[in-house]
C-alpha cells in the first residue's frame, strides 16, 4: 500500500513539475492574420512586391519571416523558445477557441498580436486575466493600453510629434512662424498639435487652403496634414515656386510614395517627415540583416512587408522577458524601432519615441 501511495506521489510530482517551464524558457503565441480559409491566390498575377503585400494572405507574411529569423538567434543559446502560431482574422469565435484551449495556452508567457484591431480587446482581456504580456505592434488606438498593465503599444501617440518639433525648432519662439496646413478632413494629429501648442503658449496659424500667406518673418515652420494626391501635388508646386530656402516643411510620410512628385520636391532644403519605424540602409547591421534575409528567403527585407518589424519585436520582447521586463537590461538594439516606454496611469506601456526623418541630398537621415 505504501509503495502504491509513493508511486502516486511521484507521478503527481511529474505532472506538476515535469512539464513546468524553466527560468530559461518562454512560450510565445503569435496571432497572425494569415486568412488560411480564404480562396487560394493566383501567384502568376503578381507584377510587383507591392501587389503581393496587398493580398490578405500575405499582409503579415513578411512579419512572420522576420520573426523566424529572430527565433533562429536563440538556437545555440541556453534559452528555450516555445512558439505557437495561430491564424487570427475577424472571427471572434475562432479567437475564443484558441484562447480557451487550456492545453495550448497553459504555458504561454507572451502574445504578439499583429492582427486586426477588432479582436485585440478580447485577446488583451484574456492576457490581463492570465498575467500574460501582450504586444500591440501597429495600432494607434490608445484605448487598448488604458486600464490594462499587460499591454505594450509600439506606435507612438500623435502628441509625441509636437513635443519633438518644439524641442528641435521652437526653443526660440520668435524664430519661426508656425503654420498648421490642413484641409476639411478631420485629423487627430492636427488636433494633437493644436492642443500642445495652446498648452505651451506657442503661437500658430491654421490654414485650410493651399495658398500660404506671405509673412514678415524670415522663416516658416509649415506642418502639413492632408494626403490627397492632387492637393499634395498642387501644394508642393506652391512651395517650390515660393523659392524661400528658410521654409521648414514637415509632411505626412505618405507624401513620399506619391509617384507624381518630382526631384524638385525631394530636393527641398528642409524637408522632414515622422516615421513609426525606419531603417538606415547605410548601417552595417541593416546590410547584414538584408544579406541574411536574401539568403534565407531569396528576397530582400522590406519595411512595407513588416520584415524588420517582425524580427525586431520578436528579439526585443523575448530579451525583455528574460530581463524581467527591465528595458535597461536589454542589450539588443532594434533595427527599425526605437523604444522609449511611458507607463500609462493604471494601464500598460506606450512607446513615446517619435522619429523625425530628414530628406537631405535625396537621402534619408534620422534627426537625433
Protein backbone atom coordinates (compact mmCIF):
# COMPACT_ATOMS: atom_id res chain seq x y z
CA UNK A 1 0.00 0.00 0.00
CA UNK A 2 2.80 2.39 0.89
CA UNK A 3 4.52 1.60 -2.41
CA UNK A 4 1.35 2.47 -4.33
CA UNK A 5 0.98 5.75 -2.47
CA UNK A 6 4.61 6.54 -3.16
CA UNK A 7 4.13 5.88 -6.89
CA UNK A 8 1.07 8.11 -6.95
CA UNK A 9 3.09 10.84 -5.22
CA UNK A 10 5.94 10.55 -7.75
CA UNK A 11 3.54 10.64 -10.71
CA UNK A 12 1.82 13.71 -9.25
CA UNK A 13 5.15 15.47 -8.89
CA UNK A 14 5.95 14.68 -12.53
CA UNK A 15 2.75 16.29 -13.77
CA UNK A 16 3.20 19.27 -11.50
CA UNK A 17 6.85 19.96 -12.22
CA UNK A 18 7.88 17.74 -15.13
CA UNK A 19 6.03 19.97 -17.59
CA UNK A 20 6.87 23.27 -15.86
CA UNK A 21 8.98 25.76 -17.76
CA UNK A 22 12.45 26.58 -16.55
CA UNK A 23 13.66 30.11 -15.96
CA UNK A 24 15.36 29.97 -19.36
CA UNK A 25 12.16 29.08 -21.21
CA UNK A 26 9.49 31.31 -22.69
CA UNK A 27 6.39 30.41 -24.68
CA UNK A 28 5.24 32.94 -27.25
CA UNK A 29 1.88 32.88 -29.01
CA UNK A 30 1.74 34.66 -32.36
CA UNK A 31 -1.71 35.68 -33.55
CA UNK A 32 -1.32 36.48 -37.24
CA UNK A 33 -3.96 37.23 -39.89
CA UNK A 34 -2.98 34.55 -42.40
CA UNK A 35 -6.52 34.17 -43.81
CA UNK A 36 -5.95 30.45 -44.29
CA UNK A 37 -9.62 29.87 -45.12
CA UNK A 38 -9.61 32.40 -47.95
CA UNK A 39 -9.66 31.30 -51.60
CA UNK A 40 -6.20 30.44 -52.99
CA UNK A 41 -4.25 33.21 -54.71
CA UNK A 42 -3.07 33.07 -58.32
CA UNK A 43 0.64 33.77 -57.88
CA UNK A 44 1.17 34.34 -61.61
CA UNK A 45 -0.95 37.51 -61.42
CA UNK A 46 1.57 39.39 -59.26
CA UNK A 47 3.62 42.07 -61.01
CA UNK A 48 5.39 43.62 -58.02
CA UNK A 49 6.09 43.08 -54.33
CA UNK A 50 3.65 45.91 -53.54
CA UNK A 51 0.84 43.87 -55.11
CA UNK A 52 1.81 40.87 -53.00
CA UNK A 53 1.66 42.94 -49.79
CA UNK A 54 -1.89 44.00 -50.61
CA UNK A 55 -3.16 40.41 -50.71
CA UNK A 56 -4.72 39.46 -47.38
CA UNK A 57 -2.91 36.14 -47.10
CA UNK A 58 0.47 37.87 -47.42
CA UNK A 59 -0.13 41.05 -45.40
CA UNK A 60 1.81 39.72 -42.42
CA UNK A 61 3.89 37.01 -44.06
CA UNK A 62 6.94 39.29 -44.02
CA UNK A 63 6.41 39.84 -40.30
CA UNK A 64 6.44 36.11 -39.68
CA UNK A 65 9.53 35.54 -41.84
CA UNK A 66 11.34 38.26 -39.90
CA UNK A 67 10.19 36.70 -36.63
CA UNK A 68 11.57 33.32 -37.69
CA UNK A 69 14.97 34.91 -38.33
CA UNK A 70 14.87 36.33 -34.81
CA UNK A 71 13.96 32.95 -33.32
CA UNK A 72 16.97 31.39 -35.04
CA UNK A 73 19.19 33.66 -32.93
CA UNK A 74 18.36 31.57 -29.85
CA UNK A 75 19.12 28.14 -31.33
CA UNK A 76 22.63 27.92 -29.88
CA UNK A 77 21.97 29.64 -26.56
CA UNK A 78 20.79 28.43 -23.18
CA UNK A 79 17.36 29.95 -23.89
CA UNK A 80 14.48 27.75 -24.99
CA UNK A 81 11.75 29.46 -27.01
CA UNK A 82 8.46 27.62 -27.42
CA UNK A 83 6.48 29.05 -30.33
CA UNK A 84 2.77 28.78 -31.09
CA UNK A 85 1.37 30.33 -34.27
CA UNK A 86 -2.35 30.67 -34.94
CA UNK A 87 -4.40 32.31 -37.66
CA UNK A 88 -6.49 35.18 -36.24
CA UNK A 89 -8.64 37.27 -38.54
CA UNK A 90 -12.05 38.73 -37.66
CA UNK A 91 -13.83 35.64 -36.31
CA UNK A 92 -14.43 36.18 -32.59
CA UNK A 93 -15.47 32.56 -32.07
CA UNK A 94 -12.27 31.33 -33.70
CA UNK A 95 -10.16 33.56 -31.47
CA UNK A 96 -12.00 32.46 -28.33
CA UNK A 97 -11.46 28.85 -29.37
CA UNK A 98 -7.72 29.50 -29.38
CA UNK A 99 -7.70 31.35 -26.07
CA UNK A 100 -9.98 28.84 -24.33
CA UNK A 101 -7.79 25.89 -25.28
CA UNK A 102 -6.33 25.27 -21.81
CA UNK A 103 -3.68 22.84 -23.06
CA UNK A 104 -2.50 25.21 -25.78
CA UNK A 105 -2.44 28.26 -23.50
CA UNK A 106 -1.13 26.55 -20.35
CA UNK A 107 2.41 27.91 -20.53
CA UNK A 108 2.00 30.98 -22.75
CA UNK A 109 4.01 33.92 -21.35
CA UNK A 110 3.60 36.40 -24.17
CA UNK A 111 1.21 37.16 -27.01
CA UNK A 112 2.45 39.00 -30.07
CA UNK A 113 -0.59 40.18 -31.96
CA UNK A 114 -0.23 41.95 -35.29
CA UNK A 115 -3.83 41.04 -36.07
CA UNK A 116 -6.92 43.14 -36.59
CA UNK A 117 -7.96 45.74 -34.03
CA UNK A 118 -11.49 44.40 -33.74
CA UNK A 119 -10.15 41.32 -31.95
CA UNK A 120 -7.40 42.90 -29.89
CA UNK A 121 -9.59 43.85 -26.88
CA UNK A 122 -10.61 40.20 -26.50
CA UNK A 123 -7.03 38.95 -26.54
CA UNK A 124 -5.93 41.81 -24.26
CA UNK A 125 -8.62 41.00 -21.69
CA UNK A 126 -7.54 37.35 -21.72
CA UNK A 127 -3.90 38.43 -21.28
CA UNK A 128 -4.78 40.58 -18.28
CA UNK A 129 -6.79 37.83 -16.63
CA UNK A 130 -3.90 35.38 -17.03
CA UNK A 131 -0.98 37.76 -16.35
CA UNK A 132 0.34 37.44 -19.90
CA UNK A 133 2.18 40.27 -21.66
CA UNK A 134 0.57 41.20 -24.99
CA UNK A 135 2.30 43.26 -27.68
CA UNK A 136 0.30 45.59 -29.93
CA UNK A 137 2.65 46.30 -32.87
CA UNK A 138 0.74 48.51 -35.29
CA UNK A 139 -2.41 50.02 -33.83
CA UNK A 140 -2.65 53.71 -32.95
CA UNK A 141 -5.62 53.17 -30.62
CA UNK A 142 -4.97 54.42 -27.11
CA UNK A 143 -7.92 52.62 -25.51
CA UNK A 144 -6.12 49.28 -25.92
CA UNK A 145 -3.45 50.30 -23.43
CA UNK A 146 -5.73 52.09 -20.96
CA UNK A 147 -6.56 50.10 -17.83
CA UNK A 148 -4.51 47.07 -18.88
CA UNK A 149 -1.00 46.89 -17.40
CA UNK A 150 -0.02 43.95 -19.63
CA UNK A 151 -0.27 45.77 -22.97
CA UNK A 152 2.73 47.18 -24.82
CA UNK A 153 1.72 49.71 -27.52
CA UNK A 154 4.51 50.27 -30.01
CA UNK A 155 3.18 53.12 -32.18
CA UNK A 156 3.91 56.48 -30.51
CA UNK A 157 0.95 58.81 -29.84
CA UNK A 158 0.43 61.85 -32.06
CA UNK A 159 1.18 64.05 -29.03
CA UNK A 160 4.83 62.99 -29.20
CA UNK A 161 5.21 64.76 -32.55
CA UNK A 162 4.61 68.37 -31.45
CA UNK A 163 6.84 67.68 -28.44
CA UNK A 164 9.64 66.72 -30.82
CA UNK A 165 9.02 69.71 -33.12
CA UNK A 166 9.09 72.11 -30.17
CA UNK A 167 12.37 70.67 -28.88
CA UNK A 168 14.09 70.88 -32.26
CA UNK A 169 12.77 74.11 -33.75
CA UNK A 170 10.95 76.23 -31.18
CA UNK A 171 13.47 76.88 -28.43
CA UNK A 172 13.26 80.49 -29.64
CA UNK A 173 9.52 81.09 -30.15
CA UNK A 174 10.20 84.08 -32.41
CA UNK A 175 12.43 82.24 -34.88
CA UNK A 176 9.60 80.66 -36.87
CA UNK A 177 6.06 81.43 -37.89
CA UNK A 178 4.28 78.15 -37.23
CA UNK A 179 1.67 77.19 -39.83
CA UNK A 180 -0.61 74.16 -39.47
CA UNK A 181 -1.65 73.28 -43.01
CA UNK A 182 -4.75 71.10 -43.09
CA UNK A 183 -7.93 70.59 -45.06
CA UNK A 184 -11.57 69.75 -44.38
CA UNK A 185 -10.76 66.20 -43.28
CA UNK A 186 -10.76 65.69 -39.50
CA UNK A 187 -7.26 64.94 -38.27
CA UNK A 188 -6.38 63.63 -34.82
CA UNK A 189 -2.77 64.57 -35.50
CA UNK A 190 -3.70 68.19 -36.28
CA UNK A 191 -5.72 68.36 -33.07
CA UNK A 192 -2.73 67.00 -31.12
CA UNK A 193 -0.58 69.85 -32.44
CA UNK A 194 -3.20 72.45 -31.63
CA UNK A 195 -3.67 71.12 -28.09
CA UNK A 196 0.07 71.03 -27.46
CA UNK A 197 0.79 74.48 -28.86
CA UNK A 198 -2.09 76.06 -26.96
CA UNK A 199 -1.00 74.39 -23.72
CA UNK A 200 2.58 75.65 -24.19
CA UNK A 201 1.69 79.16 -25.43
CA UNK A 202 3.20 78.56 -28.87
CA UNK A 203 1.61 80.87 -31.42
CA UNK A 204 0.45 79.20 -34.63
CA UNK A 205 -1.76 79.89 -37.61
CA UNK A 206 -4.07 77.26 -39.08
CA UNK A 207 -4.79 77.36 -42.82
CA UNK A 208 -7.01 75.09 -44.88
CA UNK A 209 -6.23 76.34 -48.38
CA UNK A 210 -3.08 75.72 -50.33
CA UNK A 211 -2.05 79.35 -50.67
CA UNK A 212 0.45 80.06 -47.94
CA UNK A 213 0.28 83.58 -46.55
CA UNK A 214 3.15 85.96 -47.09
CA UNK A 215 4.89 86.58 -43.83
CA UNK A 216 7.05 89.36 -42.49
CA UNK A 217 9.23 86.85 -40.66
CA UNK A 218 12.12 85.18 -42.45
CA UNK A 219 11.28 81.61 -41.53
CA UNK A 220 8.13 79.49 -41.75
CA UNK A 221 7.68 76.17 -39.98
CA UNK A 222 5.00 74.51 -42.08
CA UNK A 223 3.38 71.30 -40.84
CA UNK A 224 1.13 69.63 -43.40
CA UNK A 225 -1.62 67.12 -42.64
CA UNK A 226 -3.52 66.43 -45.88
CA UNK A 227 -2.71 63.39 -48.03
CA UNK A 228 -5.00 63.52 -51.07
CA UNK A 229 -2.54 63.28 -54.02
CA UNK A 230 -3.93 66.07 -56.20
CA UNK A 231 -3.92 68.50 -53.27
CA UNK A 232 -0.42 67.43 -52.32
CA UNK A 233 0.90 67.98 -55.84
CA UNK A 234 -0.69 71.43 -56.05
CA UNK A 235 0.65 72.34 -52.62
CA UNK A 236 4.15 71.18 -53.47
CA UNK A 237 4.16 73.39 -56.58
CA UNK A 238 3.11 76.30 -54.40
CA UNK A 239 6.05 75.68 -52.09
CA UNK A 240 8.60 75.18 -54.84
CA UNK A 241 7.54 78.39 -56.56
CA UNK A 242 7.97 80.37 -53.34
CA UNK A 243 11.77 79.79 -53.52
CA UNK A 244 12.37 80.61 -49.84
CA UNK A 245 15.12 78.31 -48.59
CA UNK A 246 14.28 79.09 -44.98
CA UNK A 247 10.95 77.22 -45.01
CA UNK A 248 10.91 74.08 -42.89
CA UNK A 249 8.32 71.63 -44.18
CA UNK A 250 7.06 68.64 -42.15
CA UNK A 251 4.83 66.37 -44.23
CA UNK A 252 2.98 63.05 -43.80
CA UNK A 253 5.15 60.07 -44.67
CA UNK A 254 2.67 59.03 -47.37
CA UNK A 255 3.70 62.07 -49.44
CA UNK A 256 6.96 60.30 -50.26
CA UNK A 257 5.12 57.47 -52.03
CA UNK A 258 3.26 59.76 -54.45
CA UNK A 259 4.89 58.92 -57.77
CA UNK A 260 3.98 62.22 -59.43
CA UNK A 261 6.23 64.23 -57.12
CA UNK A 262 9.44 65.22 -58.84
CA UNK A 263 13.03 65.67 -57.73
CA UNK A 264 12.26 69.34 -57.05
CA UNK A 265 10.18 68.24 -54.05
CA UNK A 266 12.76 65.81 -52.68
CA UNK A 267 15.48 68.44 -53.14
CA UNK A 268 13.77 70.97 -50.89
CA UNK A 269 16.43 72.05 -48.35
CA UNK A 270 14.41 71.48 -45.16
CA UNK A 271 12.04 68.58 -45.76
CA UNK A 272 11.03 66.30 -42.86
CA UNK A 273 8.53 63.57 -42.01
CA UNK A 274 7.69 61.42 -38.99
CA UNK A 275 8.02 57.65 -39.21
CA UNK A 276 6.90 54.95 -36.78
CA UNK A 277 9.74 52.73 -37.96
CA UNK A 278 12.80 53.48 -40.04
CA UNK A 279 15.99 51.77 -41.23
CA UNK A 280 19.25 53.37 -42.32
CA UNK A 281 20.31 51.38 -45.38
CA UNK A 282 23.90 52.57 -44.91
CA UNK A 283 24.10 50.87 -41.50
CA UNK A 284 26.25 47.71 -41.45
CA UNK A 285 23.72 45.87 -39.24
CA UNK A 286 20.95 46.61 -41.73
CA UNK A 287 23.10 45.39 -44.61
CA UNK A 288 23.94 42.21 -42.70
CA UNK A 289 20.27 41.58 -41.98
CA UNK A 290 19.43 42.16 -45.64
CA UNK A 291 22.06 39.66 -46.70
CA UNK A 292 20.73 37.05 -44.25
CA UNK A 293 17.15 37.68 -45.37
CA UNK A 294 18.05 37.20 -49.03
CA UNK A 295 19.97 34.03 -48.14
CA UNK A 296 17.02 32.62 -46.17
CA UNK A 297 14.15 33.64 -48.42
CA UNK A 298 15.58 34.72 -51.76
CA UNK A 299 14.09 38.20 -51.42
CA UNK A 300 15.07 41.45 -49.66
CA UNK A 301 13.58 42.54 -46.35
CA UNK A 302 11.15 45.45 -46.61
CA UNK A 303 9.58 47.79 -44.09
CA UNK A 304 6.42 47.71 -46.20
CA UNK A 305 6.29 43.94 -45.75
CA UNK A 306 6.98 44.25 -41.99
CA UNK A 307 10.13 42.10 -42.31
CA UNK A 308 12.21 44.24 -39.94
CA UNK A 309 9.33 44.74 -37.55
CA UNK A 310 8.76 41.00 -37.12
CA UNK A 311 12.45 40.49 -36.39
CA UNK A 312 12.73 43.45 -34.01
CA UNK A 313 9.61 42.73 -32.00
CA UNK A 314 10.48 39.07 -31.54
CA UNK A 315 14.08 39.70 -30.50
CA UNK A 316 13.33 42.68 -28.28
CA UNK A 317 10.41 41.25 -26.34
CA UNK A 318 11.94 37.83 -25.81
CA UNK A 319 15.05 39.55 -24.46
CA UNK A 320 12.84 41.84 -22.39
CA UNK A 321 11.11 38.78 -20.89
CA UNK A 322 14.44 37.26 -19.86
CA UNK A 323 15.46 40.66 -18.44
CA UNK A 324 12.42 40.53 -16.15
CA UNK A 325 10.88 43.35 -18.23
CA UNK A 326 13.59 45.84 -17.33
CA UNK A 327 14.34 47.74 -20.58
CA UNK A 328 17.68 48.95 -19.25
CA UNK A 329 18.87 45.32 -19.18
CA UNK A 330 18.04 44.64 -22.84
CA UNK A 331 21.20 44.83 -24.96
CA UNK A 332 19.55 44.18 -28.32
CA UNK A 333 19.10 47.35 -30.38
CA UNK A 334 16.13 47.05 -32.79
CA UNK A 335 16.87 47.66 -36.46
CA UNK A 336 13.70 49.58 -37.28
CA UNK A 337 12.30 50.74 -33.92
CA UNK A 338 13.37 52.97 -31.09
CA UNK A 339 11.59 52.32 -27.82
CA UNK A 340 11.08 54.87 -25.08
CA UNK A 341 8.47 53.45 -22.75
CA UNK A 342 5.96 55.53 -20.84
CA UNK A 343 3.63 53.89 -18.32
CA UNK A 344 0.01 54.92 -18.73
CA UNK A 345 -1.73 55.58 -15.41
CA UNK A 346 -3.44 52.32 -14.37
CA UNK A 347 -2.57 50.95 -17.81
CA UNK A 348 0.15 49.45 -19.93
CA UNK A 349 3.22 50.88 -21.59
CA UNK A 350 3.27 53.08 -24.68
CA UNK A 351 6.27 53.86 -26.84
CA UNK A 352 6.68 57.65 -26.76
CA UNK A 353 9.65 57.98 -29.12
CA UNK A 354 8.69 59.99 -32.21
CA UNK A 355 11.18 59.58 -35.05
CA UNK A 356 11.76 62.60 -37.28
CA UNK A 357 13.39 61.84 -40.62
CA UNK A 358 15.02 64.41 -42.90
CA UNK A 359 15.26 64.17 -46.67
CA UNK A 360 18.71 65.56 -47.44
CA UNK A 361 20.58 65.28 -50.76
CA UNK A 362 17.98 62.71 -51.85
CA UNK A 363 18.91 60.53 -48.87
CA UNK A 364 17.02 59.83 -45.67
CA UNK A 365 18.62 60.54 -42.30
CA UNK A 366 17.16 60.45 -38.82
CA UNK A 367 17.27 63.63 -36.79
CA UNK A 368 18.87 62.74 -33.48
